[in-house]
Amino acid sequence: MQVLQVQLEIRPDPAEVGRARRWARSRLAGSGIAADEPLAETLVLLVSELVTNAVVHTGCPAVLRLSLPGTAAEAATVRLEVADASTRAPVPRCPDDDATGGRGLALVDGLADRWGWSAEGAGKRIWCELDRCAPAVAHTAAPTACGDQAAPVSGSAATVTGTPGLDGPTYEGLAFEAV
């Protein structure tokens, strides 16, 4: 399976969040994931949350990376990463009902199939993954390749251990684009 990895440099400016969402939508469309597909809507929301966290809580430039399946027909994992130069660990919060923020990591935990973070050089990398089901064939009533999905495991936000910069899946036939 070929995977396309693309990245976007993010300035520490709140206007970058909208630019990151537009960029992610265009990259998803380019890999055959339709804008109205639930996976695309969820992924764009996750991009918005993680880029917002990087911009608001670190004040540092960041890099947004997407790893996308090579074709729309494949059942595969879509990976989103945001790397920044801050060493502050992401901390889920429990905001009260009147708070206007503080729910981003709870959304990531609820929407992503897996997520975590790791130290990377002088900063950190926060990542999440969504499993993409193969599209169902229109003339059958059979479930998609993913079938019934289990709910995300509570407390899945753990520090990822290993060699910084080498954590996560390795891909054969990786194509790369830097923006």
Protein backbone atom coordinates (compact mmCIF):
# COMPACT_ATOMS: atom_id res chain seq x y z
CA MET A 1 0.00 0.00 0.00
CA GLN A 2 1.33 3.42 -0.89
CA VAL A 3 0.88 6.24 1.61
CA LEU A 4 1.08 9.93 0.76
CA GLN A 5 2.61 12.06 3.52
CA VAL A 6 2.07 15.82 3.26
CA GLN A 7 2.98 18.62 5.63
CA LEU A 8 2.19 22.28 6.21
CA GLU A 9 4.18 24.77 8.26
CA ILE A 10 2.02 26.67 10.75
CA ARG A 11 2.85 30.14 12.09
CA PRO A 12 1.88 30.96 15.71
CA ASP A 13 -1.15 32.95 14.54
CA PRO A 14 -4.81 32.01 15.16
CA ALA A 15 -5.59 32.72 11.48
CA GLU A 16 -3.50 29.65 10.66
CA VAL A 17 -6.22 27.35 12.01
CA GLY A 18 -8.58 28.18 9.14
CA ARG A 19 -5.74 27.83 6.63
CA ALA A 20 -4.88 24.41 8.10
CA ARG A 21 -8.51 23.25 7.75
CA ARG A 22 -8.68 24.39 4.10
CA TRP A 23 -5.33 22.74 3.36
CA ALA A 24 -6.43 19.47 4.99
CA ARG A 25 -9.71 19.43 3.01
CA SER A 26 -7.83 19.90 -0.26
CA ARG A 27 -5.34 17.13 0.56
CA LEU A 28 -8.15 14.75 1.54
CA ALA A 29 -9.98 15.48 -1.71
CA GLY A 30 -6.75 14.89 -3.62
CA SER A 31 -6.48 11.43 -2.06
CA GLY A 32 -10.06 10.53 -2.95
CA ILE A 33 -11.69 11.22 0.42
CA ALA A 34 -14.85 13.25 -0.30
CA ALA A 35 -15.54 16.37 1.78
CA ASP A 36 -18.93 15.00 2.88
CA GLU A 37 -17.46 11.65 3.95
CA PRO A 38 -17.62 11.27 7.77
CA LEU A 39 -13.88 10.54 7.86
CA ALA A 40 -13.12 13.90 6.20
CA GLU A 41 -15.40 15.84 8.54
CA THR A 42 -13.86 14.17 11.60
CA LEU A 43 -10.32 14.64 10.37
CA VAL A 44 -10.85 18.35 9.64
CA LEU A 45 -12.25 18.79 13.17
CA LEU A 46 -9.18 17.03 14.61
CA VAL A 47 -6.88 19.25 12.52
CA SER A 48 -8.71 22.28 13.89
CA GLU A 49 -8.35 21.13 17.51
CA LEU A 50 -4.67 20.13 17.36
CA VAL A 51 -3.55 23.18 15.37
CA THR A 52 -5.53 25.46 17.70
CA ASN A 53 -3.80 23.87 20.69
CA ALA A 54 -0.39 24.37 19.09
CA VAL A 55 -1.10 28.02 18.19
CA VAL A 56 -2.81 29.03 21.43
CA HIS A 57 -0.86 27.08 24.05
CA THR A 58 2.69 27.13 22.70
CA GLY A 59 3.14 30.42 20.85
CA CYS A 60 5.61 28.52 18.63
CA PRO A 61 5.56 27.60 14.94
CA ALA A 62 4.32 24.06 14.26
CA VAL A 63 4.23 21.51 11.46
CA LEU A 64 1.00 19.75 10.51
CA ARG A 65 1.46 16.35 8.83
CA LEU A 66 -1.09 14.05 7.23
CA SER A 67 -0.42 10.47 6.16
CA LEU A 68 -3.10 9.43 3.70
CA PRO A 69 -3.88 6.16 1.90
CA GLY A 70 -2.80 6.06 -1.72
CA THR A 71 -6.26 5.31 -3.13
CA ALA A 72 -9.82 5.86 -1.95
CA ALA A 73 -10.68 2.18 -2.26
CA GLU A 74 -8.22 1.11 0.43
CA ALA A 75 -9.14 0.37 4.02
CA ALA A 76 -6.29 2.10 5.81
CA THR A 77 -5.31 4.36 8.66
CA VAL A 78 -5.18 8.13 8.25
CA ARG A 79 -2.65 9.73 10.59
CA LEU A 80 -2.53 13.36 11.69
CA GLU A 81 0.45 14.83 13.54
CA VAL A 82 1.23 18.29 14.87
CA ALA A 83 4.84 18.89 15.90
CA ASP A 84 5.86 22.05 17.75
CA ALA A 85 8.91 23.43 19.56
CA SER A 86 7.31 23.55 23.01
CA THR A 87 8.31 20.98 25.61
CA ARG A 88 5.03 21.46 27.53
CA ALA A 89 3.09 18.20 27.58
CA PRO A 90 -0.53 18.25 26.39
CA VAL A 91 -2.81 18.17 29.43
CA PRO A 92 -6.50 17.25 29.12
CA ARG A 93 -8.61 19.63 31.19
CA CYS A 94 -12.01 19.38 32.87
CA PRO A 95 -13.58 22.77 32.15
CA ASP A 96 -16.77 23.85 33.88
CA ASP A 97 -19.96 24.40 31.89
CA ASP A 98 -19.30 28.12 31.41
CA ALA A 99 -15.74 27.74 30.05
CA THR A 100 -15.30 28.62 26.39
CA GLY A 101 -12.29 26.35 25.89
CA GLY A 102 -10.48 23.38 27.33
CA ARG A 103 -12.35 20.60 25.53
CA GLY A 104 -9.99 20.01 22.60
CA LEU A 105 -8.15 16.94 23.88
CA ALA A 106 -11.44 15.43 25.10
CA LEU A 107 -12.72 15.78 21.51
CA VAL A 108 -9.56 14.18 20.16
CA ASP A 109 -9.94 11.31 22.63
CA GLY A 110 -13.58 10.81 21.67
CA LEU A 111 -13.17 11.07 17.90
CA ALA A 112 -9.81 9.44 17.13
CA ASP A 113 -9.29 5.68 17.13
CA ARG A 114 -5.91 6.25 18.81
CA TRP A 115 -3.92 9.26 19.94
CA GLY A 116 -0.88 10.14 21.95
CA TRP A 117 2.20 12.31 22.08
CA SER A 118 5.95 12.00 22.32
CA ALA A 119 8.93 14.21 22.99
CA GLU A 120 10.68 15.09 19.75
CA GLY A 121 14.00 16.92 19.83
CA ALA A 122 13.44 20.25 21.58
CA GLY A 123 9.65 19.93 21.29
CA LYS A 124 6.88 17.39 20.99
CA ARG A 125 4.64 15.64 18.49
CA ILE A 126 0.93 15.04 19.12
CA TRP A 127 -0.68 12.48 16.83
CA CYS A 128 -4.01 10.81 16.24
CA GLU A 129 -5.20 8.10 13.88
CA LEU A 130 -8.51 7.30 12.22
CA ASP A 131 -9.16 3.93 10.65
CA ARG A 132 -10.66 4.26 7.20
CA CYS A 133 -13.05 1.56 6.14
CA ALA A 134 -13.10 0.34 2.57
CA PRO A 135 -16.20 1.83 0.91
CA ALA A 136 -19.19 -0.52 0.94
CA VAL A 137 -20.29 -1.88 -2.43
CA ALA A 138 -23.60 -0.21 -3.32
CA HIS A 139 -25.45 -3.39 -4.36
CA THR A 140 -24.75 -5.42 -1.23
CA ALA A 141 -26.07 -5.17 2.29
CA ALA A 142 -22.81 -6.42 3.80
CA PRO A 143 -21.07 -4.19 6.34
CA THR A 144 -17.97 -2.25 5.39
CA ALA A 145 -14.54 -3.76 5.95
CA CYS A 146 -14.36 -2.22 9.42
CA GLY A 147 -17.63 -3.75 10.62
CA ASP A 148 -18.62 -2.80 14.14
CA GLN A 149 -16.06 -0.48 15.65
CA ALA A 150 -15.27 -0.48 19.34
CA ALA A 151 -15.38 2.77 21.24
CA PRO A 152 -12.03 4.45 21.84
CA VAL A 153 -10.28 3.25 24.98
CA SER A 154 -10.53 5.78 27.77
CA GLY A 155 -7.17 7.05 28.86
CA SER A 156 -5.56 6.32 25.52
CA ALA A 157 -3.62 9.58 25.72
CA ALA A 158 -0.33 8.22 26.95
CA THR A 159 3.21 9.25 26.34
CA VAL A 160 4.57 7.30 23.42
CA THR A 161 7.95 5.84 24.20
CA GLY A 162 10.74 4.96 21.86
CA THR A 163 13.26 6.84 19.82
CA PRO A 164 12.10 10.43 19.19
CA GLY A 165 11.22 10.91 15.54
CA LEU A 166 10.95 7.17 14.88
CA ASP A 167 7.72 6.39 16.71
CA GLY A 168 4.65 5.41 14.73
CA PRO A 169 4.15 3.20 11.74
CA THR A 170 6.66 2.76 8.99
CA TYR A 171 5.35 2.74 5.46
CA GLU A 172 6.55 1.00 2.36
CA GLY A 173 6.27 3.01 -0.85
CA LEU A 174 6.01 6.35 0.99
CA ALA A 175 5.42 9.40 -1.18
CA PHE A 176 6.22 12.76 0.39
CA GLU A 177 5.19 16.36 -0.27
CA ALA A 178 6.36 19.40 1.72
CA VAL A 179 4.53 22.70 1.50
